[in-house]
């Protein structure tokens, strides 16, 4: 069974992490962050980073991109604002406290949505991915760095064993790849572009979903009707 999280628990957990997050996780997750930024900049434009946290990624984006960062943790965002001021990041349009499952942006607002180490920390991962797809422009990409749980074997047993311990930290260990696949099969007009492992420990992946362009979305119903008629 999936280990349930709730927003109150996540907010409390990341308020505790805020003062030490960069020290504890900065170097550990550096390669994953850089991989996500490089993937996002293949598209570029207006980029939403969900779970921006302390803003550790923000200085590494090219200044030609326009950035918006959201996070559910106000203490983490205060650190992010300090970083924006310190580095003079004029390309950061806004930082806002926001629930990833209820983004207060219009449809098709961003060229890229980036979420690093987020999907397995939110209470409802699929609903969060739905929101990413909603605010993404046609032709854009969702770029995730995310933990992928084991399907079987010793690692799966270990994840199940430790799930009650990691829950108060705001982490979900048991999240198999099949959940990403099932979500992508839904009515969002997205397809998997890439999945590849990134450090640390081989438990994380860079995952890219592309959203169909306007022409593709328009043609798809006609294509399906033609296929049915041919059949």
C-alpha atoms as a PDB file:
ATOM      1  CA  UNK A   1       0.000   0.000   0.000  1.00  0.00           C
ATOM      2  CA  UNK A   2       1.084   3.562  -0.679  1.00  0.00           C
ATOM      3  CA  UNK A   3       2.194   5.559   2.325  1.00  0.00           C
ATOM      4  CA  UNK A   4      -0.082   8.560   2.699  1.00  0.00           C
ATOM      5  CA  UNK A   5       1.232  12.062   3.186  1.00  0.00           C
ATOM      6  CA  UNK A   6      -0.681  15.234   3.893  1.00  0.00           C
ATOM      7  CA  UNK A   7       0.157  18.878   3.337  1.00  0.00           C
ATOM      8  CA  UNK A   8       0.317  19.682   7.043  1.00  0.00           C
ATOM      9  CA  UNK A   9       2.951  16.999   7.509  1.00  0.00           C
ATOM     10  CA  UNK A  10       4.935  18.167   4.469  1.00  0.00           C
ATOM     11  CA  UNK A  11       4.851  21.820   5.589  1.00  0.00           C
ATOM     12  CA  UNK A  12       6.104  20.878   9.058  1.00  0.00           C
ATOM     13  CA  UNK A  13       8.821  18.638   7.633  1.00  0.00           C
ATOM     14  CA  UNK A  14      10.219  21.251   5.259  1.00  0.00           C
ATOM     15  CA  UNK A  15      10.072  24.005   7.850  1.00  0.00           C
ATOM     16  CA  UNK A  16      12.508  21.834   9.793  1.00  0.00           C
ATOM     17  CA  UNK A  17      14.644  21.218   6.705  1.00  0.00           C
ATOM     18  CA  UNK A  18      14.822  24.875   5.594  1.00  0.00           C
ATOM     19  CA  UNK A  19      17.830  25.995   7.708  1.00  0.00           C
ATOM     20  CA  UNK A  20      20.001  23.013   6.696  1.00  0.00           C
ATOM     21  CA  UNK A  21      18.590  21.820   3.376  1.00  0.00           C
ATOM     22  CA  UNK A  22      21.367  23.216   1.167  1.00  0.00           C
ATOM     23  CA  UNK A  23      24.059  21.886   3.482  1.00  0.00           C
ATOM     24  CA  UNK A  24      22.558  18.396   3.692  1.00  0.00           C
ATOM     25  CA  UNK A  25      21.295  17.937   0.130  1.00  0.00           C
ATOM     26  CA  UNK A  26      23.052  20.560  -1.995  1.00  0.00           C
ATOM     27  CA  UNK A  27      25.972  18.422  -3.136  1.00  0.00           C
ATOM     28  CA  UNK A  28      24.036  15.138  -3.003  1.00  0.00           C
ATOM     29  CA  UNK A  29      21.417  16.271  -5.521  1.00  0.00           C
ATOM     30  CA  UNK A  30      23.646  18.539  -7.625  1.00  0.00           C
ATOM     31  CA  UNK A  31      23.866  16.258 -10.673  1.00  0.00           C
ATOM     32  CA  UNK A  32      20.124  15.735 -10.702  1.00  0.00           C
ATOM     33  CA  UNK A  33      19.525  19.490 -10.542  1.00  0.00           C
ATOM     34  CA  UNK A  34      21.940  20.177 -13.380  1.00  0.00           C
ATOM     35  CA  UNK A  35      20.336  17.451 -15.506  1.00  0.00           C
ATOM     36  CA  UNK A  36      16.897  18.983 -14.956  1.00  0.00           C
ATOM     37  CA  UNK A  37      18.093  22.483 -15.820  1.00  0.00           C
ATOM     38  CA  UNK A  38      19.814  21.267 -18.984  1.00  0.00           C
ATOM     39  CA  UNK A  39      16.633  19.457 -20.051  1.00  0.00           C
ATOM     40  CA  UNK A  40      14.463  22.514 -19.331  1.00  0.00           C
ATOM     41  CA  UNK A  41      16.752  24.779 -21.311  1.00  0.00           C
ATOM     42  CA  UNK A  42      16.345  22.644 -24.431  1.00  0.00           C
ATOM     43  CA  UNK A  43      12.916  24.308 -24.569  1.00  0.00           C
ATOM     44  CA  UNK A  44      13.601  27.479 -22.575  1.00  0.00           C
ATOM     45  CA  UNK A  45      11.242  30.423 -22.329  1.00  0.00           C
ATOM     46  CA  UNK A  46       8.990  30.777 -19.296  1.00  0.00           C
ATOM     47  CA  UNK A  47       9.826  28.061 -16.771  1.00  0.00           C
ATOM     48  CA  UNK A  48       7.868  27.113 -13.666  1.00  0.00           C
ATOM     49  CA  UNK A  49       9.841  25.342 -10.965  1.00  0.00           C
ATOM     50  CA  UNK A  50       7.497  23.591  -8.560  1.00  0.00           C
ATOM     51  CA  UNK A  51       9.037  22.812  -5.193  1.00  0.00           C
ATOM     52  CA  UNK A  52      11.671  25.481  -5.747  1.00  0.00           C
ATOM     53  CA  UNK A  53      12.601  25.214  -2.072  1.00  0.00           C
ATOM     54  CA  UNK A  54      15.563  27.380  -1.116  1.00  0.00           C
ATOM     55  CA  UNK A  55      16.033  28.380  -4.755  1.00  0.00           C
ATOM     56  CA  UNK A  56      19.295  26.483  -5.026  1.00  0.00           C
ATOM     57  CA  UNK A  57      18.689  25.865  -8.757  1.00  0.00           C
ATOM     58  CA  UNK A  58      17.772  29.419  -9.722  1.00  0.00           C
ATOM     59  CA  UNK A  59      21.264  30.896 -10.302  1.00  0.00           C
ATOM     60  CA  UNK A  60      22.145  28.024 -12.654  1.00  0.00           C
ATOM     61  CA  UNK A  61      19.482  28.820 -15.256  1.00  0.00           C
ATOM     62  CA  UNK A  62      20.499  31.021 -18.178  1.00  0.00           C
ATOM     63  CA  UNK A  63      19.339  34.599 -17.652  1.00  0.00           C
ATOM     64  CA  UNK A  64      17.455  34.417 -20.946  1.00  0.00           C
ATOM     65  CA  UNK A  65      14.830  32.230 -19.254  1.00  0.00           C
ATOM     66  CA  UNK A  66      11.997  33.721 -17.235  1.00  0.00           C
ATOM     67  CA  UNK A  67      11.531  31.837 -13.971  1.00  0.00           C
ATOM     68  CA  UNK A  68       8.639  31.419 -11.560  1.00  0.00           C
ATOM     69  CA  UNK A  69       9.148  29.395  -8.392  1.00  0.00           C
ATOM     70  CA  UNK A  70       6.497  27.983  -6.079  1.00  0.00           C
ATOM     71  CA  UNK A  71       6.720  25.953  -2.895  1.00  0.00           C
ATOM     72  CA  UNK A  72       4.371  24.970  -0.109  1.00  0.00           C
ATOM     73  CA  UNK A  73       6.980  25.893   2.532  1.00  0.00           C
ATOM     74  CA  UNK A  74       7.221  29.569   3.416  1.00  0.00           C
ATOM     75  CA  UNK A  75      10.504  29.137   5.347  1.00  0.00           C
ATOM     76  CA  UNK A  76      12.081  27.514   2.263  1.00  0.00           C
ATOM     77  CA  UNK A  77      10.841  30.349   0.049  1.00  0.00           C
ATOM     78  CA  UNK A  78      12.349  32.952   2.359  1.00  0.00           C
ATOM     79  CA  UNK A  79      15.715  31.331   1.661  1.00  0.00           C
ATOM     80  CA  UNK A  80      14.926  31.411  -2.062  1.00  0.00           C
ATOM     81  CA  UNK A  81      14.129  35.131  -1.928  1.00  0.00           C
ATOM     82  CA  UNK A  82      17.421  35.786  -0.146  1.00  0.00           C
ATOM     83  CA  UNK A  83      19.206  33.921  -2.954  1.00  0.00           C
ATOM     84  CA  UNK A  84      17.406  35.927  -5.652  1.00  0.00           C
ATOM     85  CA  UNK A  85      18.489  39.154  -3.955  1.00  0.00           C
ATOM     86  CA  UNK A  86      22.052  37.970  -3.377  1.00  0.00           C
ATOM     87  CA  UNK A  87      22.613  36.957  -6.998  1.00  0.00           C
ATOM     88  CA  UNK A  88      20.547  39.746  -8.545  1.00  0.00           C
ATOM     89  CA  UNK A  89      18.335  37.282 -10.410  1.00  0.00           C
ATOM     90  CA  UNK A  90      16.228  39.733 -12.393  1.00  0.00           C
ATOM     91  CA  UNK A  91      14.904  36.873 -14.558  1.00  0.00           C
ATOM     92  CA  UNK A  92      12.951  35.472 -11.582  1.00  0.00           C
ATOM     93  CA  UNK A  93       9.451  36.844 -12.127  1.00  0.00           C
ATOM     94  CA  UNK A  94       7.928  35.613  -8.894  1.00  0.00           C
ATOM     95  CA  UNK A  95       8.244  33.320  -5.891  1.00  0.00           C
ATOM     96  CA  UNK A  96       5.015  32.241  -4.240  1.00  0.00           C
ATOM     97  CA  UNK A  97       3.682  29.929  -1.563  1.00  0.00           C
ATOM     98  CA  UNK A  98       1.488  27.491  -3.445  1.00  0.00           C
ATOM     99  CA  UNK A  99       0.123  23.951  -3.256  1.00  0.00           C
ATOM    100  CA  UNK A 100       1.407  21.926  -6.217  1.00  0.00           C
ATOM    101  CA  UNK A 101      -1.990  20.250  -6.545  1.00  0.00           C
ATOM    102  CA  UNK A 102      -3.767  23.609  -6.928  1.00  0.00           C
ATOM    103  CA  UNK A 103      -1.584  25.910  -9.000  1.00  0.00           C
ATOM    104  CA  UNK A 104      -3.094  29.388  -9.330  1.00  0.00           C
ATOM    105  CA  UNK A 105      -1.969  29.922 -12.933  1.00  0.00           C
ATOM    106  CA  UNK A 106      -4.105  29.943 -16.070  1.00  0.00           C
ATOM    107  CA  UNK A 107      -3.975  27.025 -18.481  1.00  0.00           C
ATOM    108  CA  UNK A 108      -0.973  26.924 -20.821  1.00  0.00           C
ATOM    109  CA  UNK A 109       1.074  29.491 -18.852  1.00  0.00           C
ATOM    110  CA  UNK A 110       4.542  27.935 -19.112  1.00  0.00           C
ATOM    111  CA  UNK A 111       6.889  26.493 -21.715  1.00  0.00           C
ATOM    112  CA  UNK A 112       8.429  24.094 -19.188  1.00  0.00           C
ATOM    113  CA  UNK A 113       7.403  22.796 -15.763  1.00  0.00           C
ATOM    114  CA  UNK A 114      10.294  21.526 -13.632  1.00  0.00           C
ATOM    115  CA  UNK A 115       9.841  19.549 -10.425  1.00  0.00           C
ATOM    116  CA  UNK A 116      12.921  18.184  -8.701  1.00  0.00           C
ATOM    117  CA  UNK A 117      12.458  15.650  -5.897  1.00  0.00           C
ATOM    118  CA  UNK A 118       8.804  16.696  -5.579  1.00  0.00           C
ATOM    119  CA  UNK A 119       6.429  14.047  -6.938  1.00  0.00           C
ATOM    120  CA  UNK A 120       7.094  11.520  -4.178  1.00  0.00           C
ATOM    121  CA  UNK A 121       6.658  14.174  -1.462  1.00  0.00           C
ATOM    122  CA  UNK A 122       3.165  15.419  -2.355  1.00  0.00           C
ATOM    123  CA  UNK A 123      -0.020  13.847  -0.973  1.00  0.00           C
ATOM    124  CA  UNK A 124      -1.549  13.133  -4.415  1.00  0.00           C
ATOM    125  CA  UNK A 125       1.128  12.675  -7.089  1.00  0.00           C
ATOM    126  CA  UNK A 126      -1.212  12.061 -10.027  1.00  0.00           C
ATOM    127  CA  UNK A 127      -3.309  15.147  -9.250  1.00  0.00           C
ATOM    128  CA  UNK A 128      -0.092  17.150  -9.066  1.00  0.00           C
ATOM    129  CA  UNK A 129       1.004  15.863 -12.472  1.00  0.00           C
ATOM    130  CA  UNK A 130      -2.456  16.793 -13.798  1.00  0.00           C
ATOM    131  CA  UNK A 131      -1.788  20.384 -12.731  1.00  0.00           C
ATOM    132  CA  UNK A 132       1.613  20.380 -14.402  1.00  0.00           C
ATOM    133  CA  UNK A 133       0.000  19.285 -17.664  1.00  0.00           C
ATOM    134  CA  UNK A 134      -2.740  21.910 -17.312  1.00  0.00           C
ATOM    135  CA  UNK A 135      -0.407  24.892 -16.915  1.00  0.00           C
ATOM    136  CA  UNK A 136       1.974  23.652 -19.632  1.00  0.00           C
ATOM    137  CA  UNK A 137       1.754  25.119 -23.130  1.00  0.00           C
ATOM    138  CA  UNK A 138       1.248  22.802 -26.123  1.00  0.00           C
ATOM    139  CA  UNK A 139       4.669  21.662 -27.292  1.00  0.00           C
ATOM    140  CA  UNK A 140       6.161  22.163 -23.826  1.00  0.00           C
ATOM    141  CA  UNK A 141       7.763  19.686 -21.452  1.00  0.00           C
ATOM    142  CA  UNK A 142       7.393  18.474 -17.892  1.00  0.00           C
ATOM    143  CA  UNK A 143      10.865  17.773 -16.480  1.00  0.00           C
ATOM    144  CA  UNK A 144      11.042  15.703 -13.311  1.00  0.00           C
ATOM    145  CA  UNK A 145      13.844  14.439 -11.172  1.00  0.00           C
ATOM    146  CA  UNK A 146      12.114  11.867  -9.083  1.00  0.00           C
ATOM    147  CA  UNK A 147      12.564   8.769  -7.028  1.00  0.00           C
ATOM    148  CA  UNK A 148      11.306   5.569  -8.651  1.00  0.00           C
ATOM    149  CA  UNK A 149      10.422   2.826  -6.198  1.00  0.00           C
ATOM    150  CA  UNK A 150      11.466  -0.764  -6.666  1.00  0.00           C
ATOM    151  CA  UNK A 151       8.971  -3.161  -8.235  1.00  0.00           C
ATOM    152  CA  UNK A 152      10.277  -6.272  -6.457  1.00  0.00           C
ATOM    153  CA  UNK A 153      13.191  -7.760  -4.565  1.00  0.00           C
ATOM    154  CA  UNK A 154      15.153  -6.705  -1.538  1.00  0.00           C
ATOM    155  CA  UNK A 155      14.990  -2.947  -2.243  1.00  0.00           C
ATOM    156  CA  UNK A 156      11.191  -3.092  -2.382  1.00  0.00           C
ATOM    157  CA  UNK A 157      11.136  -4.902   0.967  1.00  0.00           C
ATOM    158  CA  UNK A 158      13.464  -2.305   2.470  1.00  0.00           C
ATOM    159  CA  UNK A 159      11.344   0.560   1.134  1.00  0.00           C
ATOM    160  CA  UNK A 160       8.218  -0.967   2.625  1.00  0.00           C
ATOM    161  CA  UNK A 161       9.976  -1.474   5.953  1.00  0.00           C
ATOM    162  CA  UNK A 162      11.247   2.121   6.158  1.00  0.00           C
ATOM    163  CA  UNK A 163       8.083   3.816   4.866  1.00  0.00           C
ATOM    164  CA  UNK A 164       6.693   4.633   8.348  1.00  0.00           C
ATOM    165  CA  UNK A 165      10.045   6.175   9.321  1.00  0.00           C
ATOM    166  CA  UNK A 166      10.370   8.425   6.260  1.00  0.00           C
ATOM    167  CA  UNK A 167       6.760   9.606   6.308  1.00  0.00           C
ATOM    168  CA  UNK A 168       7.341  12.259   9.036  1.00  0.00           C
ATOM    169  CA  UNK A 169      10.286  13.547   6.971  1.00  0.00           C
ATOM    170  CA  UNK A 170       7.906  14.291   4.090  1.00  0.00           C
ATOM    171  CA  UNK A 171       9.191  11.467   1.858  1.00  0.00           C
ATOM    172  CA  UNK A 172       7.410   8.595   0.120  1.00  0.00           C
ATOM    173  CA  UNK A 173       9.651   5.620  -0.717  1.00  0.00           C
ATOM    174  CA  UNK A 174       7.128   3.352  -2.434  1.00  0.00           C
ATOM    175  CA  UNK A 175       6.308   4.877  -5.809  1.00  0.00           C
ATOM    176  CA  UNK A 176       6.812   2.433  -8.691  1.00  0.00           C
ATOM    177  CA  UNK A 177       7.347   3.382 -12.330  1.00  0.00           C
ATOM    178  CA  UNK A 178       3.961   1.909 -13.233  1.00  0.00           C
ATOM    179  CA  UNK A 179       2.251   4.919 -11.650  1.00  0.00           C
ATOM    180  CA  UNK A 180       4.038   7.315 -14.009  1.00  0.00           C
ATOM    181  CA  UNK A 181       3.112   5.085 -16.958  1.00  0.00           C
ATOM    182  CA  UNK A 182      -0.564   4.919 -15.988  1.00  0.00           C
ATOM    183  CA  UNK A 183      -0.700   8.686 -15.567  1.00  0.00           C
ATOM    184  CA  UNK A 184       0.852   9.292 -19.004  1.00  0.00           C
ATOM    185  CA  UNK A 185      -1.833   7.090 -20.568  1.00  0.00           C
ATOM    186  CA  UNK A 186      -4.521   9.494 -19.341  1.00  0.00           C
ATOM    187  CA  UNK A 187      -6.259  12.313 -21.220  1.00  0.00           C
ATOM    188  CA  UNK A 188      -3.502  14.899 -20.841  1.00  0.00           C
ATOM    189  CA  UNK A 189      -1.984  14.788 -24.314  1.00  0.00           C
ATOM    190  CA  UNK A 190       1.456  13.927 -22.947  1.00  0.00           C
ATOM    191  CA  UNK A 191       3.971  11.274 -23.884  1.00  0.00           C
ATOM    192  CA  UNK A 192       7.151  10.020 -22.288  1.00  0.00           C
ATOM    193  CA  UNK A 193      10.234  11.462 -23.998  1.00  0.00           C
ATOM    194  CA  UNK A 194      13.015  10.270 -21.737  1.00  0.00           C
ATOM    195  CA  UNK A 195      13.764   8.338 -18.588  1.00  0.00           C
ATOM    196  CA  UNK A 196      17.329   7.877 -17.379  1.00  0.00           C
ATOM    197  CA  UNK A 197      18.964   7.348 -13.996  1.00  0.00           C
ATOM    198  CA  UNK A 198      20.669  10.198 -12.189  1.00  0.00           C
ATOM    199  CA  UNK A 199      22.708  10.157  -8.964  1.00  0.00           C
ATOM    200  CA  UNK A 200      22.566   9.552  -6.110  1.00  0.00           C
ATOM    201  CA  UNK A 201      22.298   5.850  -5.350  1.00  0.00           C
ATOM    202  CA  UNK A 202      20.608   4.878  -8.619  1.00  0.00           C
ATOM    203  CA  UNK A 203      17.157   5.360  -7.087  1.00  0.00           C
ATOM    204  CA  UNK A 204      16.346   8.591  -8.951  1.00  0.00           C
ATOM    205  CA  UNK A 205      15.517   9.294 -12.595  1.00  0.00           C
ATOM    206  CA  UNK A 206      15.313  12.244 -14.934  1.00  0.00           C
ATOM    207  CA  UNK A 207      11.858  11.927 -16.511  1.00  0.00           C
ATOM    208  CA  UNK A 208      10.629  14.085 -19.387  1.00  0.00           C
ATOM    209  CA  UNK A 209       7.056  14.243 -20.650  1.00  0.00           C
ATOM    210  CA  UNK A 210       6.189  16.237 -23.761  1.00  0.00           C
ATOM    211  CA  UNK A 211       2.791  17.826 -24.337  1.00  0.00           C
ATOM    212  CA  UNK A 212       1.306  17.572 -27.815  1.00  0.00           C
ATOM    213  CA  UNK A 213       1.527  20.731 -29.891  1.00  0.00           C
ATOM    214  CA  UNK A 214      -1.622  22.544 -30.963  1.00  0.00           C
ATOM    215  CA  UNK A 215      -1.599  20.937 -34.424  1.00  0.00           C
ATOM    216  CA  UNK A 216      -1.088  17.462 -32.977  1.00  0.00           C
ATOM    217  CA  UNK A 217      -3.897  17.951 -30.464  1.00  0.00           C
ATOM    218  CA  UNK A 218      -6.240  19.166 -33.220  1.00  0.00           C
ATOM    219  CA  UNK A 219      -5.381  16.309 -35.559  1.00  0.00           C
ATOM    220  CA  UNK A 220      -5.593  13.555 -32.970  1.00  0.00           C
ATOM    221  CA  UNK A 221      -9.441  13.194 -32.874  1.00  0.00           C
ATOM    222  CA  UNK A 222      -9.612  13.115 -36.674  1.00  0.00           C
ATOM    223  CA  UNK A 223      -6.845  10.515 -36.785  1.00  0.00           C
ATOM    224  CA  UNK A 224      -8.711   8.346 -34.306  1.00  0.00           C
ATOM    225  CA  UNK A 225     -11.946   8.611 -36.302  1.00  0.00           C
ATOM    226  CA  UNK A 226     -10.125   7.682 -39.491  1.00  0.00           C
ATOM    227  CA  UNK A 227      -8.559   4.693 -37.777  1.00  0.00           C
ATOM    228  CA  UNK A 228     -11.944   3.515 -36.542  1.00  0.00           C
ATOM    229  CA  UNK A 229     -13.503   3.938 -39.975  1.00  0.00           C
ATOM    230  CA  UNK A 230     -10.653   1.957 -41.533  1.00  0.00           C
ATOM    231  CA  UNK A 231     -11.146  -0.775 -38.986  1.00  0.00           C
END
